[in-house]
Each structure stands twice: as C-alpha cells, then as structure tokens.
C-alpha cells in the first residue's frame, strides 16, 4: 500500500506505481479531491473509492458522476471498506491483451515490437518506441506533459519540456503524412498530446 499526503503527490504515485485501486479522500491540503479524481480519469481507468466525511447527497453525486466507482462516508468499518474495494475490483473486467494497434495508416505490433506506416516498416529509436507505446496504451486520451515526462524520462525530468517536444517532432516526421499538420499525434495546447484513433 502506498500513501500520499497531497493530491499532487497522489497523482504522481498513480502514474509511477499504476495501482490496482485508489482510495481518495476529498479533503486534501492542496487540491479538492474531485479535482484529483478529474485528473486521474483523464488517463487512468483504475477503480477509485472516495472516502470522505462529506455525507451530503450532492457530494456523492458529484464524485460518482466524476468517475468514482464508490463513495464511503466516514466513519466506516474496515470490513465494509474492504468489501466495497473487492466489489470495485470485481467490476473491472480485464481487457483482452492488445497485441496489434491500428490507427489510420499506422500499425504497431506490440509482440513483435514493429511499427509500420502504409505497410512500410518504420525504424524507431528505443526512446521513440517507448514514447509511441505510451501513447498506444492510452490511445484516444490526453496525456499531460508531466505524465509523459515522468513515464519516459523519470520524475526528475517532469518540468523539462525540451526533450519531449524534440521526440514528438521525431515521431511526427516518421509517422505523419504531413508532420507540419499532424493528424495522428495531436497537440492539446497547454496540456499535452493525444494519439488519435482512426479507422
């Protein structure tokens, strides 16, 4: 079990450790718990159980509509919490492992570690491949600059956008028909990037 005292720290741990479930208190010192939930749901489908002293119906509705799997009001027994946690984990249906990803002219075989565009092999460096794999694993979802930097270059690089921009350009040069007007790897201004899923 990993604990985090603040919302920002919790988001960072979720990125680093990829937990099976998250217990989220709404009363955090730096961020409102609903904001943390919103940020988690931008990229992570992990089961989230909200635990809070806020017992009003509006609070519960906001949390559940925001993507929480369950809402437990304090005080609660350990037995109840564990039962609700087990129920949330059972509800998560494991997806069949994806071995080949398609989007437009892009084909990535995760088993063979090959990438093709319009049927032609594309040679990627280890960093380019890792970056593309991260986008494929979260295809269609926005990945923030911080999430990408921490995943690919480590926590110490979380504020250095230079390498990320360079490697995004490298990928676009190799994957896009027109790198100046990308249709696959899209910039979300001020936030990050998104891999578009196309037929």
C-alpha atoms as a PDB file:
ATOM      1  CA  UNK A   1       0.000   0.000   0.000  1.00  0.00           C
ATOM      2  CA  UNK A   2       1.298   3.459  -0.946  1.00  0.00           C
ATOM      3  CA  UNK A   3       0.125   6.629   0.784  1.00  0.00           C
ATOM      4  CA  UNK A   4       0.266  10.219  -0.426  1.00  0.00           C
ATOM      5  CA  UNK A   5      -0.469  13.246   1.752  1.00  0.00           C
ATOM      6  CA  UNK A   6      -1.457  15.610  -1.073  1.00  0.00           C
ATOM      7  CA  UNK A   7      -3.403  15.427  -4.310  1.00  0.00           C
ATOM      8  CA  UNK A   8      -0.394  16.201  -6.484  1.00  0.00           C
ATOM      9  CA  UNK A   9       1.650  13.538  -4.740  1.00  0.00           C
ATOM     10  CA  UNK A  10      -1.176  11.033  -5.172  1.00  0.00           C
ATOM     11  CA  UNK A  11      -1.404  11.689  -8.903  1.00  0.00           C
ATOM     12  CA  UNK A  12       2.359  11.255  -9.172  1.00  0.00           C
ATOM     13  CA  UNK A  13       2.245   7.932  -7.328  1.00  0.00           C
ATOM     14  CA  UNK A  14      -0.627   6.732  -9.532  1.00  0.00           C
ATOM     15  CA  UNK A  15       1.489   7.465 -12.601  1.00  0.00           C
ATOM     16  CA  UNK A  16       4.578   5.800 -11.136  1.00  0.00           C
ATOM     17  CA  UNK A  17       3.052   2.739  -9.476  1.00  0.00           C
ATOM     18  CA  UNK A  18      -0.115   2.038 -11.536  1.00  0.00           C
ATOM     19  CA  UNK A  19      -2.144   0.836  -8.513  1.00  0.00           C
ATOM     20  CA  UNK A  20      -4.969  -1.730  -8.716  1.00  0.00           C
ATOM     21  CA  UNK A  21      -7.285   0.684  -6.858  1.00  0.00           C
ATOM     22  CA  UNK A  22      -7.240   4.161  -5.309  1.00  0.00           C
ATOM     23  CA  UNK A  23      -8.773   5.308  -2.014  1.00  0.00           C
ATOM     24  CA  UNK A  24      -9.350   9.049  -2.409  1.00  0.00           C
ATOM     25  CA  UNK A  25     -10.138  11.463   0.416  1.00  0.00           C
ATOM     26  CA  UNK A  26     -11.913  14.616  -0.759  1.00  0.00           C
ATOM     27  CA  UNK A  27     -10.359  16.736   1.997  1.00  0.00           C
ATOM     28  CA  UNK A  28      -6.787  17.205   0.773  1.00  0.00           C
ATOM     29  CA  UNK A  29      -4.493  20.101   1.734  1.00  0.00           C
ATOM     30  CA  UNK A  30      -3.576  21.205  -1.795  1.00  0.00           C
ATOM     31  CA  UNK A  31      -6.354  20.125  -4.184  1.00  0.00           C
ATOM     32  CA  UNK A  32     -10.018  19.293  -3.839  1.00  0.00           C
ATOM     33  CA  UNK A  33     -10.463  15.532  -4.129  1.00  0.00           C
ATOM     34  CA  UNK A  34     -12.848  15.994  -7.057  1.00  0.00           C
ATOM     35  CA  UNK A  35     -10.073  17.760  -8.991  1.00  0.00           C
ATOM     36  CA  UNK A  36      -7.739  14.841  -8.286  1.00  0.00           C
ATOM     37  CA  UNK A  37     -10.452  12.455  -9.499  1.00  0.00           C
ATOM     38  CA  UNK A  38     -10.906  14.504 -12.674  1.00  0.00           C
ATOM     39  CA  UNK A  39      -7.172  14.400 -13.416  1.00  0.00           C
ATOM     40  CA  UNK A  40      -6.976  10.658 -12.775  1.00  0.00           C
ATOM     41  CA  UNK A  41      -9.899   9.994 -15.082  1.00  0.00           C
ATOM     42  CA  UNK A  42      -8.208  11.858 -17.951  1.00  0.00           C
ATOM     43  CA  UNK A  43      -5.845   8.905 -18.397  1.00  0.00           C
ATOM     44  CA  UNK A  44      -6.433   6.144 -15.856  1.00  0.00           C
ATOM     45  CA  UNK A  45      -9.437   3.765 -15.533  1.00  0.00           C
ATOM     46  CA  UNK A  46      -8.288   2.436 -12.118  1.00  0.00           C
ATOM     47  CA  UNK A  47     -11.148   1.821  -9.630  1.00  0.00           C
ATOM     48  CA  UNK A  48     -11.484   4.832  -7.306  1.00  0.00           C
ATOM     49  CA  UNK A  49     -13.275   4.661  -3.953  1.00  0.00           C
ATOM     50  CA  UNK A  50     -13.951   8.037  -2.403  1.00  0.00           C
ATOM     51  CA  UNK A  51     -13.722   8.079   1.395  1.00  0.00           C
ATOM     52  CA  UNK A  52     -14.961  11.292   2.969  1.00  0.00           C
ATOM     53  CA  UNK A  53     -16.630  12.941   5.935  1.00  0.00           C
ATOM     54  CA  UNK A  54     -18.820  14.755   3.413  1.00  0.00           C
ATOM     55  CA  UNK A  55     -22.053  12.832   3.504  1.00  0.00           C
ATOM     56  CA  UNK A  56     -24.322  15.145   1.521  1.00  0.00           C
ATOM     57  CA  UNK A  57     -26.072  13.690  -1.500  1.00  0.00           C
ATOM     58  CA  UNK A  58     -24.652  16.399  -3.783  1.00  0.00           C
ATOM     59  CA  UNK A  59     -21.098  15.434  -2.812  1.00  0.00           C
ATOM     60  CA  UNK A  60     -21.778  11.777  -3.546  1.00  0.00           C
ATOM     61  CA  UNK A  61     -23.408  12.572  -6.897  1.00  0.00           C
ATOM     62  CA  UNK A  62     -20.514  14.835  -7.922  1.00  0.00           C
ATOM     63  CA  UNK A  63     -17.957  12.163  -7.076  1.00  0.00           C
ATOM     64  CA  UNK A  64     -19.826   9.318  -8.784  1.00  0.00           C
ATOM     65  CA  UNK A  65     -20.608  11.425 -11.858  1.00  0.00           C
ATOM     66  CA  UNK A  66     -16.943  12.450 -11.901  1.00  0.00           C
ATOM     67  CA  UNK A  67     -15.872   8.836 -12.297  1.00  0.00           C
ATOM     68  CA  UNK A  68     -15.634   7.393  -8.775  1.00  0.00           C
ATOM     69  CA  UNK A  69     -16.617   3.729  -8.520  1.00  0.00           C
ATOM     70  CA  UNK A  70     -17.986   4.045  -4.989  1.00  0.00           C
ATOM     71  CA  UNK A  71     -18.385   6.524  -2.134  1.00  0.00           C
ATOM     72  CA  UNK A  72     -17.880   5.612   1.524  1.00  0.00           C
ATOM     73  CA  UNK A  73     -18.772   8.094   4.255  1.00  0.00           C
ATOM     74  CA  UNK A  74     -16.613   8.309   7.376  1.00  0.00           C
ATOM     75  CA  UNK A  75     -16.739   6.755   9.886  1.00  0.00           C
ATOM     76  CA  UNK A  76     -16.826   3.284   8.362  1.00  0.00           C
ATOM     77  CA  UNK A  77     -15.662  -0.148   9.416  1.00  0.00           C
ATOM     78  CA  UNK A  78     -12.608  -1.774   7.887  1.00  0.00           C
ATOM     79  CA  UNK A  79     -14.780  -4.722   6.877  1.00  0.00           C
ATOM     80  CA  UNK A  80     -17.177  -2.509   4.914  1.00  0.00           C
ATOM     81  CA  UNK A  81     -14.333  -0.694   3.190  1.00  0.00           C
ATOM     82  CA  UNK A  82     -12.642  -3.947   2.160  1.00  0.00           C
ATOM     83  CA  UNK A  83     -15.941  -5.385   0.900  1.00  0.00           C
ATOM     84  CA  UNK A  84     -16.573  -2.308  -1.248  1.00  0.00           C
ATOM     85  CA  UNK A  85     -12.997  -2.460  -2.514  1.00  0.00           C
ATOM     86  CA  UNK A  86     -13.394  -6.116  -3.502  1.00  0.00           C
ATOM     87  CA  UNK A  87     -16.658  -5.283  -5.283  1.00  0.00           C
ATOM     88  CA  UNK A  88     -14.994  -2.469  -7.245  1.00  0.00           C
ATOM     89  CA  UNK A  89     -12.135  -4.738  -8.285  1.00  0.00           C
ATOM     90  CA  UNK A  90     -14.562  -7.490  -9.376  1.00  0.00           C
ATOM     91  CA  UNK A  91     -16.417  -4.993 -11.543  1.00  0.00           C
ATOM     92  CA  UNK A  92     -13.296  -4.245 -13.537  1.00  0.00           C
ATOM     93  CA  UNK A  93     -13.314  -6.656 -16.449  1.00  0.00           C
ATOM     94  CA  UNK A  94      -9.786  -7.384 -17.612  1.00  0.00           C
ATOM     95  CA  UNK A  95      -9.462  -6.392 -21.242  1.00  0.00           C
ATOM     96  CA  UNK A  96      -8.020  -8.889 -23.679  1.00  0.00           C
ATOM     97  CA  UNK A  97      -4.357  -8.025 -24.144  1.00  0.00           C
ATOM     98  CA  UNK A  98      -3.924  -5.924 -27.234  1.00  0.00           C
ATOM     99  CA  UNK A  99      -1.114  -7.148 -29.428  1.00  0.00           C
ATOM    100  CA  UNK A 100      -1.690  -5.104 -32.602  1.00  0.00           C
ATOM    101  CA  UNK A 101      -2.734  -1.449 -32.673  1.00  0.00           C
ATOM    102  CA  UNK A 102      -4.173   0.263 -35.764  1.00  0.00           C
ATOM    103  CA  UNK A 103      -4.935   3.926 -36.332  1.00  0.00           C
ATOM    104  CA  UNK A 104      -5.241   5.169 -39.889  1.00  0.00           C
ATOM    105  CA  UNK A 105      -2.092   4.130 -41.732  1.00  0.00           C
ATOM    106  CA  UNK A 106      -0.230   3.292 -38.502  1.00  0.00           C
ATOM    107  CA  UNK A 107       0.165  -0.323 -37.404  1.00  0.00           C
ATOM    108  CA  UNK A 108       2.090  -1.250 -34.269  1.00  0.00           C
ATOM    109  CA  UNK A 109       2.677  -4.896 -33.351  1.00  0.00           C
ATOM    110  CA  UNK A 110       3.424  -4.911 -29.625  1.00  0.00           C
ATOM    111  CA  UNK A 111       4.525  -8.546 -29.589  1.00  0.00           C
ATOM    112  CA  UNK A 112       6.956  -8.252 -32.491  1.00  0.00           C
ATOM    113  CA  UNK A 113       7.872  -4.658 -31.482  1.00  0.00           C
ATOM    114  CA  UNK A 114       7.421  -3.468 -35.052  1.00  0.00           C
ATOM    115  CA  UNK A 115       5.898  -0.281 -36.448  1.00  0.00           C
ATOM    116  CA  UNK A 116       4.591   0.214 -39.969  1.00  0.00           C
ATOM    117  CA  UNK A 117       3.088   3.180 -41.800  1.00  0.00           C
ATOM    118  CA  UNK A 118       1.187   2.457 -45.005  1.00  0.00           C
ATOM    119  CA  UNK A 119       2.581  -1.062 -44.817  1.00  0.00           C
ATOM    120  CA  UNK A 120       6.195   0.095 -44.770  1.00  0.00           C
ATOM    121  CA  UNK A 121       8.466  -0.639 -41.756  1.00  0.00           C
ATOM    122  CA  UNK A 122       9.458   2.365 -39.677  1.00  0.00           C
ATOM    123  CA  UNK A 123      12.671   2.304 -37.652  1.00  0.00           C
ATOM    124  CA  UNK A 124      12.325   3.915 -34.230  1.00  0.00           C
ATOM    125  CA  UNK A 125      14.935   4.506 -31.553  1.00  0.00           C
ATOM    126  CA  UNK A 126      14.322   2.983 -28.117  1.00  0.00           C
ATOM    127  CA  UNK A 127      13.033   6.310 -26.779  1.00  0.00           C
ATOM    128  CA  UNK A 128      10.777   6.886 -29.797  1.00  0.00           C
ATOM    129  CA  UNK A 129       9.347   3.387 -29.428  1.00  0.00           C
ATOM    130  CA  UNK A 130       8.735   3.829 -25.688  1.00  0.00           C
ATOM    131  CA  UNK A 131       7.009   7.147 -26.325  1.00  0.00           C
ATOM    132  CA  UNK A 132       4.783   5.708 -29.061  1.00  0.00           C
ATOM    133  CA  UNK A 133       3.968   2.686 -26.889  1.00  0.00           C
ATOM    134  CA  UNK A 134       2.859   5.018 -24.083  1.00  0.00           C
ATOM    135  CA  UNK A 135       0.501   6.794 -26.463  1.00  0.00           C
ATOM    136  CA  UNK A 136      -0.839   3.491 -27.786  1.00  0.00           C
ATOM    137  CA  UNK A 137      -1.515   2.285 -24.241  1.00  0.00           C
ATOM    138  CA  UNK A 138      -3.594   5.432 -23.698  1.00  0.00           C
ATOM    139  CA  UNK A 139      -4.885   5.850 -27.262  1.00  0.00           C
ATOM    140  CA  UNK A 140      -7.573   8.495 -27.613  1.00  0.00           C
ATOM    141  CA  UNK A 141      -6.814  10.025 -24.206  1.00  0.00           C
ATOM    142  CA  UNK A 142      -4.918  13.197 -23.425  1.00  0.00           C
ATOM    143  CA  UNK A 143      -1.558  12.626 -21.762  1.00  0.00           C
ATOM    144  CA  UNK A 144      -0.221  15.649 -19.930  1.00  0.00           C
ATOM    145  CA  UNK A 145       3.340  16.855 -20.386  1.00  0.00           C
ATOM    146  CA  UNK A 146       4.140  15.834 -16.809  1.00  0.00           C
ATOM    147  CA  UNK A 147       2.694  12.340 -17.214  1.00  0.00           C
ATOM    148  CA  UNK A 148       4.720  11.711 -20.356  1.00  0.00           C
ATOM    149  CA  UNK A 149       7.958  13.149 -18.985  1.00  0.00           C
ATOM    150  CA  UNK A 150       7.751  11.151 -15.765  1.00  0.00           C
ATOM    151  CA  UNK A 151       6.956   7.930 -17.604  1.00  0.00           C
ATOM    152  CA  UNK A 152       9.663   8.221 -20.274  1.00  0.00           C
ATOM    153  CA  UNK A 153      12.433  10.275 -18.659  1.00  0.00           C
ATOM    154  CA  UNK A 154      11.715   9.912 -14.935  1.00  0.00           C
ATOM    155  CA  UNK A 155      10.472  12.129 -12.143  1.00  0.00           C
ATOM    156  CA  UNK A 156      13.487  14.445 -12.318  1.00  0.00           C
ATOM    157  CA  UNK A 157      12.530  15.469 -15.876  1.00  0.00           C
ATOM    158  CA  UNK A 158       8.928  16.424 -15.066  1.00  0.00           C
ATOM    159  CA  UNK A 159       9.486  20.141 -15.766  1.00  0.00           C
ATOM    160  CA  UNK A 160      11.747  19.875 -18.821  1.00  0.00           C
ATOM    161  CA  UNK A 161       9.615  20.048 -21.974  1.00  0.00           C
ATOM    162  CA  UNK A 162      12.559  20.318 -24.380  1.00  0.00           C
ATOM    163  CA  UNK A 163      13.252  16.589 -24.919  1.00  0.00           C
ATOM    164  CA  UNK A 164       9.544  15.816 -25.186  1.00  0.00           C
ATOM    165  CA  UNK A 165       8.987  18.357 -27.952  1.00  0.00           C
ATOM    166  CA  UNK A 166      12.050  17.078 -29.819  1.00  0.00           C
ATOM    167  CA  UNK A 167      10.870  13.452 -29.712  1.00  0.00           C
ATOM    168  CA  UNK A 168       7.292  14.348 -30.616  1.00  0.00           C
ATOM    169  CA  UNK A 169       8.726  16.011 -33.724  1.00  0.00           C
ATOM    170  CA  UNK A 170      10.842  12.921 -34.467  1.00  0.00           C
ATOM    171  CA  UNK A 171       7.755  10.702 -34.241  1.00  0.00           C
ATOM    172  CA  UNK A 172       5.699  13.016 -36.421  1.00  0.00           C
ATOM    173  CA  UNK A 173       8.442  13.020 -39.068  1.00  0.00           C
ATOM    174  CA  UNK A 174       8.302   9.226 -39.177  1.00  0.00           C
ATOM    175  CA  UNK A 175       4.555   8.623 -38.736  1.00  0.00           C
ATOM    176  CA  UNK A 176       2.650  11.569 -40.216  1.00  0.00           C
ATOM    177  CA  UNK A 177       1.920  12.205 -43.893  1.00  0.00           C
ATOM    178  CA  UNK A 178       2.405  15.908 -43.197  1.00  0.00           C
ATOM    179  CA  UNK A 179       4.343  16.456 -39.942  1.00  0.00           C
ATOM    180  CA  UNK A 180       3.535  20.193 -40.028  1.00  0.00           C
ATOM    181  CA  UNK A 181      -0.182  19.375 -39.833  1.00  0.00           C
ATOM    182  CA  UNK A 182      -0.345  16.186 -37.760  1.00  0.00           C
ATOM    183  CA  UNK A 183      -3.470  14.056 -37.888  1.00  0.00           C
ATOM    184  CA  UNK A 184      -2.293  11.230 -35.641  1.00  0.00           C
ATOM    185  CA  UNK A 185      -0.250  12.733 -32.804  1.00  0.00           C
ATOM    186  CA  UNK A 186      -2.217  15.823 -31.823  1.00  0.00           C
ATOM    187  CA  UNK A 187      -1.143  18.699 -29.592  1.00  0.00           C
ATOM    188  CA  UNK A 188      -3.562  19.635 -26.813  1.00  0.00           C
ATOM    189  CA  UNK A 189      -2.459  23.268 -26.263  1.00  0.00           C
ATOM    190  CA  UNK A 190      -1.081  23.927 -22.812  1.00  0.00           C
ATOM    191  CA  UNK A 191      -1.865  20.382 -21.647  1.00  0.00           C
ATOM    192  CA  UNK A 192      -0.056  17.669 -23.593  1.00  0.00           C
ATOM    193  CA  UNK A 193      -0.617  15.325 -26.524  1.00  0.00           C
ATOM    194  CA  UNK A 194      -3.136  12.748 -27.707  1.00  0.00           C
ATOM    195  CA  UNK A 195      -2.875   9.810 -30.091  1.00  0.00           C
ATOM    196  CA  UNK A 196      -5.951   9.882 -32.304  1.00  0.00           C
ATOM    197  CA  UNK A 197      -7.683   6.599 -33.061  1.00  0.00           C
ATOM    198  CA  UNK A 198      -8.802   6.453 -36.697  1.00  0.00           C
ATOM    199  CA  UNK A 199     -10.389   3.709 -38.805  1.00  0.00           C
END
